[in-house]
């Protein structure tokens, strides 16, 4: 049990050393992730559509 308590203490100390993002940085990063996710989803849907059309053309 002492090892676990020591682990928690050291973890808390390490977390205090971290440089946390500001609210503005966090909002900006979130926006970038959302836009990237949207673009990747659109690209994936487009590729899927092209492959489906190609498969329909090949299969008749």
PDB file of N, CA and C in Angstrom:
ATOM      1  N   UNK A   1       0.824  -1.197   0.000  1.00  0.00           N
ATOM      2  CA  UNK A   1       0.000   0.000   0.000  1.00  0.00           C
ATOM      3  C   UNK A   1       0.867   1.259   0.000  1.00  0.00           C
ATOM      4  N   UNK A   2       2.021   1.177   0.642  1.00  0.00           N
ATOM      5  CA  UNK A   2       2.914   2.333   0.695  1.00  0.00           C
ATOM      6  C   UNK A   2       3.448   2.659  -0.696  1.00  0.00           C
ATOM      7  N   UNK A   3       3.670   1.618  -1.503  1.00  0.00           N
ATOM      8  CA  UNK A   3       4.162   1.858  -2.862  1.00  0.00           C
ATOM      9  C   UNK A   3       3.127   2.608  -3.689  1.00  0.00           C
ATOM     10  N   UNK A   4       1.860   2.255  -3.505  1.00  0.00           N
ATOM     11  CA  UNK A   4       0.794   2.918  -4.245  1.00  0.00           C
ATOM     12  C   UNK A   4       0.667   4.380  -3.817  1.00  0.00           C
ATOM     13  N   UNK A   5       0.756   4.634  -2.513  1.00  0.00           N
ATOM     14  CA  UNK A   5       0.691   6.010  -2.010  1.00  0.00           C
ATOM     15  C   UNK A   5       1.859   6.824  -2.552  1.00  0.00           C
ATOM     16  N   UNK A   6       3.037   6.213  -2.605  1.00  0.00           N
ATOM     17  CA  UNK A   6       4.207   6.893  -3.153  1.00  0.00           C
ATOM     18  C   UNK A   6       4.012   7.185  -4.640  1.00  0.00           C
ATOM     19  N   UNK A   7       3.425   6.244  -5.349  1.00  0.00           N
ATOM     20  CA  UNK A   7       3.134   6.437  -6.771  1.00  0.00           C
ATOM     21  C   UNK A   7       2.205   7.634  -6.973  1.00  0.00           C
ATOM     22  N   UNK A   8       1.147   7.711  -6.164  1.00  0.00           N
ATOM     23  CA  UNK A   8       0.211   8.833  -6.280  1.00  0.00           C
ATOM     24  C   UNK A   8       0.886  10.158  -5.964  1.00  0.00           C
ATOM     25  N   UNK A   9       1.742  10.173  -4.960  1.00  0.00           N
ATOM     26  CA  UNK A   9       2.460  11.397  -4.589  1.00  0.00           C
ATOM     27  C   UNK A   9       3.363  11.854  -5.733  1.00  0.00           C
ATOM     28  N   UNK A  10       4.119  10.917  -6.293  1.00  0.00           N
ATOM     29  CA  UNK A  10       5.018  11.262  -7.395  1.00  0.00           C
ATOM     30  C   UNK A  10       4.248  11.692  -8.639  1.00  0.00           C
ATOM     31  N   UNK A  11       3.116  11.060  -8.876  1.00  0.00           N
ATOM     32  CA  UNK A  11       2.283  11.442 -10.014  1.00  0.00           C
ATOM     33  C   UNK A  11       1.789  12.868  -9.859  1.00  0.00           C
ATOM     34  N   UNK A  12       1.326  13.216  -8.670  1.00  0.00           N
ATOM     35  CA  UNK A  12       0.858  14.580  -8.412  1.00  0.00           C
ATOM     36  C   UNK A  12       1.987  15.586  -8.627  1.00  0.00           C
ATOM     37  N   UNK A  13       3.199  15.258  -8.158  1.00  0.00           N
ATOM     38  CA  UNK A  13       4.345  16.151  -8.343  1.00  0.00           C
ATOM     39  C   UNK A  13       4.661  16.344  -9.823  1.00  0.00           C
ATOM     40  N   UNK A  14       4.610  15.279 -10.595  1.00  0.00           N
ATOM     41  CA  UNK A  14       4.889  15.386 -12.029  1.00  0.00           C
ATOM     42  C   UNK A  14       3.818  16.202 -12.747  1.00  0.00           C
ATOM     43  N   UNK A  15       2.565  16.030 -12.356  1.00  0.00           N
ATOM     44  CA  UNK A  15       1.492  16.798 -12.992  1.00  0.00           C
ATOM     45  C   UNK A  15       1.624  18.286 -12.703  1.00  0.00           C
ATOM     46  N   UNK A  16       2.155  18.638 -11.556  1.00  0.00           N
ATOM     47  CA  UNK A  16       2.363  20.057 -11.239  1.00  0.00           C
ATOM     48  C   UNK A  16       3.452  20.668 -12.111  1.00  0.00           C
ATOM     49  N   UNK A  17       4.376  19.847 -12.606  1.00  0.00           N
ATOM     50  CA  UNK A  17       5.455  20.339 -13.464  1.00  0.00           C
ATOM     51  C   UNK A  17       4.985  20.591 -14.895  1.00  0.00           C
ATOM     52  N   UNK A  18       3.850  20.021 -15.259  1.00  0.00           N
ATOM     53  CA  UNK A  18       3.351  20.139 -16.630  1.00  0.00           C
ATOM     54  C   UNK A  18       2.963  21.572 -16.959  1.00  0.00           C
ATOM     55  N   UNK A  19       3.154  21.920 -18.208  1.00  0.00           N
ATOM     56  CA  UNK A  19       2.677  23.205 -18.706  1.00  0.00           C
ATOM     57  C   UNK A  19       1.358  22.943 -19.410  1.00  0.00           C
ATOM     58  N   UNK A  20       0.277  23.403 -18.811  1.00  0.00           N
ATOM     59  CA  UNK A  20      -1.043  23.150 -19.356  1.00  0.00           C
ATOM     60  C   UNK A  20      -1.396  24.236 -20.367  1.00  0.00           C
ATOM     61  N   UNK A  21      -2.134  23.891 -21.425  1.00  0.00           N
ATOM     62  CA  UNK A  21      -2.498  24.902 -22.434  1.00  0.00           C
ATOM     63  C   UNK A  21      -3.474  25.926 -21.867  1.00  0.00           C
ATOM     64  N   UNK A  22      -3.404  27.111 -22.442  1.00  0.00           N
ATOM     65  CA  UNK A  22      -4.374  28.139 -22.058  1.00  0.00           C
ATOM     66  C   UNK A  22      -5.720  27.789 -22.691  1.00  0.00           C
ATOM     67  N   UNK A  23      -6.760  28.489 -22.242  1.00  0.00           N
ATOM     68  CA  UNK A  23      -8.093  28.238 -22.784  1.00  0.00           C
ATOM     69  C   UNK A  23      -8.121  28.518 -24.286  1.00  0.00           C
ATOM     70  N   UNK A  24      -7.443  29.572 -24.713  1.00  0.00           N
ATOM     71  CA  UNK A  24      -7.412  29.923 -26.141  1.00  0.00           C
ATOM     72  C   UNK A  24      -6.673  28.855 -26.947  1.00  0.00           C
ATOM     73  N   UNK A  25      -5.554  28.361 -26.434  1.00  0.00           N
ATOM     74  CA  UNK A  25      -4.823  27.297 -27.127  1.00  0.00           C
ATOM     75  C   UNK A  25      -5.674  26.034 -27.227  1.00  0.00           C
ATOM     76  N   UNK A  26      -6.388  25.735 -26.171  1.00  0.00           N
ATOM     77  CA  UNK A  26      -7.238  24.549 -26.155  1.00  0.00           C
ATOM     78  C   UNK A  26      -8.364  24.660 -27.179  1.00  0.00           C
ATOM     79  N   UNK A  27      -8.991  25.841 -27.253  1.00  0.00           N
ATOM     80  CA  UNK A  27     -10.055  26.039 -28.242  1.00  0.00           C
ATOM     81  C   UNK A  27      -9.506  25.939 -29.661  1.00  0.00           C
ATOM     82  N   UNK A  28      -8.325  26.512 -29.890  1.00  0.00           N
ATOM     83  CA  UNK A  28      -7.715  26.450 -31.218  1.00  0.00           C
ATOM     84  C   UNK A  28      -7.374  25.028 -31.622  1.00  0.00           C
ATOM     85  N   UNK A  29      -6.800  24.285 -30.707  1.00  0.00           N
ATOM     86  CA  UNK A  29      -6.457  22.888 -30.993  1.00  0.00           C
ATOM     87  C   UNK A  29      -7.705  22.060 -31.260  1.00  0.00           C
ATOM     88  N   UNK A  30      -8.754  22.312 -30.501  1.00  0.00           N
ATOM     89  CA  UNK A  30     -10.006  21.586 -30.698  1.00  0.00           C
ATOM     90  C   UNK A  30     -10.577  21.877 -32.080  1.00  0.00           C
ATOM     91  N   UNK A  31     -10.517  23.129 -32.502  1.00  0.00           N
ATOM     92  CA  UNK A  31     -11.024  23.497 -33.823  1.00  0.00           C
ATOM     93  C   UNK A  31     -10.225  22.794 -34.918  1.00  0.00           C
ATOM     94  N   UNK A  32      -8.912  22.739 -34.763  1.00  0.00           N
ATOM     95  CA  UNK A  32      -8.067  22.069 -35.760  1.00  0.00           C
ATOM     96  C   UNK A  32      -8.427  20.591 -35.853  1.00  0.00           C
ATOM     97  N   UNK A  33      -8.606  19.944 -34.714  1.00  0.00           N
ATOM     98  CA  UNK A  33      -8.960  18.520 -34.704  1.00  0.00           C
ATOM     99  C   UNK A  33     -10.322  18.300 -35.353  1.00  0.00           C
ATOM    100  N   UNK A  34     -11.287  19.174 -35.067  1.00  0.00           N
ATOM    101  CA  UNK A  34     -12.622  19.021 -35.647  1.00  0.00           C
ATOM    102  C   UNK A  34     -12.589  19.185 -37.164  1.00  0.00           C
ATOM    103  N   UNK A  35     -11.863  20.178 -37.653  1.00  0.00           N
ATOM    104  CA  UNK A  35     -11.769  20.402 -39.101  1.00  0.00           C
ATOM    105  C   UNK A  35     -11.047  19.233 -39.768  1.00  0.00           C
ATOM    106  N   UNK A  36      -9.951  18.774 -39.169  1.00  0.00           N
ATOM    107  CA  UNK A  36      -9.215  17.645 -39.738  1.00  0.00           C
ATOM    108  C   UNK A  36     -10.087  16.391 -39.779  1.00  0.00           C
ATOM    109  N   UNK A  37     -10.866  16.166 -38.734  1.00  0.00           N
ATOM    110  CA  UNK A  37     -11.758  15.008 -38.698  1.00  0.00           C
ATOM    111  C   UNK A  37     -12.820  15.107 -39.783  1.00  0.00           C
ATOM    112  N   UNK A  38     -13.379  16.286 -39.956  1.00  0.00           N
ATOM    113  CA  UNK A  38     -14.385  16.495 -40.995  1.00  0.00           C
ATOM    114  C   UNK A  38     -13.798  16.254 -42.383  1.00  0.00           C
ATOM    115  N   UNK A  39     -12.619  16.809 -42.643  1.00  0.00           N
ATOM    116  CA  UNK A  39     -11.988  16.629 -43.954  1.00  0.00           C
ATOM    117  C   UNK A  39     -11.642  15.166 -44.219  1.00  0.00           C
ATOM    118  N   UNK A  40     -11.125  14.485 -43.217  1.00  0.00           N
ATOM    119  CA  UNK A  40     -10.802  13.073 -43.392  1.00  0.00           C
ATOM    120  C   UNK A  40     -12.064  12.247 -43.622  1.00  0.00           C
ATOM    121  N   UNK A  41     -13.138  12.582 -42.932  1.00  0.00           N
ATOM    122  CA  UNK A  41     -14.406  11.885 -43.142  1.00  0.00           C
ATOM    123  C   UNK A  41     -14.944  12.105 -44.543  1.00  0.00           C
ATOM    124  N   UNK A  42     -14.863  13.342 -45.030  1.00  0.00           N
ATOM    125  CA  UNK A  42     -15.316  13.634 -46.390  1.00  0.00           C
ATOM    126  C   UNK A  42     -14.464  12.906 -47.426  1.00  0.00           C
ATOM    127  N   UNK A  43     -13.166  12.892 -47.222  1.00  0.00           N
ATOM    128  CA  UNK A  43     -12.270  12.180 -48.133  1.00  0.00           C
ATOM    129  C   UNK A  43     -12.599  10.688 -48.157  1.00  0.00           C
ATOM    130  N   UNK A  44     -12.801  10.109 -46.984  1.00  0.00           N
ATOM    131  CA  UNK A  44     -13.132   8.686 -46.894  1.00  0.00           C
ATOM    132  C   UNK A  44     -14.451   8.388 -47.599  1.00  0.00           C
ATOM    133  N   UNK A  45     -15.443   9.250 -47.418  1.00  0.00           N
ATOM    134  CA  UNK A  45     -16.736   9.058 -48.073  1.00  0.00           C
ATOM    135  C   UNK A  45     -16.590   9.161 -49.590  1.00  0.00           C
ATOM    136  N   UNK A  46     -15.789  10.094 -50.056  1.00  0.00           N
ATOM    137  CA  UNK A  46     -15.569  10.257 -51.492  1.00  0.00           C
ATOM    138  C   UNK A  46     -14.882   9.029 -52.090  1.00  0.00           C
ATOM    139  N   UNK A  47     -13.847   8.541 -51.438  1.00  0.00           N
ATOM    140  CA  UNK A  47     -13.149   7.346 -51.920  1.00  0.00           C
ATOM    141  C   UNK A  47     -14.102   6.156 -51.927  1.00  0.00           C
ATOM    142  N   UNK A  48     -14.921   6.018 -50.889  1.00  0.00           N
ATOM    143  CA  UNK A  48     -15.896   4.929 -50.827  1.00  0.00           C
ATOM    144  C   UNK A  48     -16.893   5.033 -51.977  1.00  0.00           C
ATOM    145  N   UNK A  49     -17.350   6.236 -52.275  1.00  0.00           N
ATOM    146  CA  UNK A  49     -18.293   6.447 -53.369  1.00  0.00           C
ATOM    147  C   UNK A  49     -17.664   6.067 -54.706  1.00  0.00           C
ATOM    148  N   UNK A  50     -16.428   6.484 -54.928  1.00  0.00           N
ATOM    149  CA  UNK A  50     -15.739   6.159 -56.180  1.00  0.00           C
ATOM    150  C   UNK A  50     -15.563   4.651 -56.316  1.00  0.00           C
ATOM    151  N   UNK A  51     -15.143   3.986 -55.252  1.00  0.00           N
ATOM    152  CA  UNK A  51     -14.985   2.529 -55.311  1.00  0.00           C
ATOM    153  C   UNK A  51     -16.320   1.832 -55.544  1.00  0.00           C
ATOM    154  N   UNK A  52     -17.378   2.323 -54.926  1.00  0.00           N
ATOM    155  CA  UNK A  52     -18.701   1.714 -55.117  1.00  0.00           C
ATOM    156  C   UNK A  52     -19.156   1.876 -56.562  1.00  0.00           C
ATOM    157  N   UNK A  53     -18.946   3.060 -57.138  1.00  0.00           N
ATOM    158  CA  UNK A  53     -19.322   3.281 -58.532  1.00  0.00           C
ATOM    159  C   UNK A  53     -18.494   2.387 -59.457  1.00  0.00           C
ATOM    160  N   UNK A  54     -17.216   2.263 -59.174  1.00  0.00           N
ATOM    161  CA  UNK A  54     -16.342   1.403 -59.968  1.00  0.00           C
ATOM    162  C   UNK A  54     -16.797  -0.053 -59.876  1.00  0.00           C
ATOM    163  N   UNK A  55     -17.128  -0.505 -58.689  1.00  0.00           N
ATOM    164  CA  UNK A  55     -17.579  -1.891 -58.500  1.00  0.00           C
ATOM    165  C   UNK A  55     -18.889  -2.133 -59.240  1.00  0.00           C
ATOM    166  N   UNK A  56     -19.827  -1.166 -59.188  1.00  0.00           N
ATOM    167  CA  UNK A  56     -21.092  -1.314 -59.918  1.00  0.00           C
ATOM    168  C   UNK A  56     -20.846  -1.379 -61.420  1.00  0.00           C
ATOM    169  N   UNK A  57     -19.910  -0.577 -61.902  1.00  0.00           N
ATOM    170  CA  UNK A  57     -19.584  -0.562 -63.331  1.00  0.00           C
ATOM    171  C   UNK A  57     -18.977  -1.902 -63.754  1.00  0.00           C
ATOM    172  N   UNK A  58     -18.083  -2.439 -62.961  1.00  0.00           N
ATOM    173  CA  UNK A  58     -17.426  -3.711 -63.275  1.00  0.00           C
ATOM    174  C   UNK A  58     -18.424  -4.869 -63.217  1.00  0.00           C
ATOM    175  N   UNK A  59     -19.282  -4.876 -62.206  1.00  0.00           N
ATOM    176  CA  UNK A  59     -20.220  -5.989 -62.006  1.00  0.00           C
ATOM    177  C   UNK A  59     -21.426  -5.906 -62.936  1.00  0.00           C
ATOM    178  N   UNK A  60     -21.620  -4.769 -63.553  1.00  0.00           N
ATOM    179  CA  UNK A  60     -22.701  -4.643 -64.524  1.00  0.00           C
ATOM    180  C   UNK A  60     -23.953  -4.269 -63.867  1.00  0.00           C
TER     181      UNK A  60
END
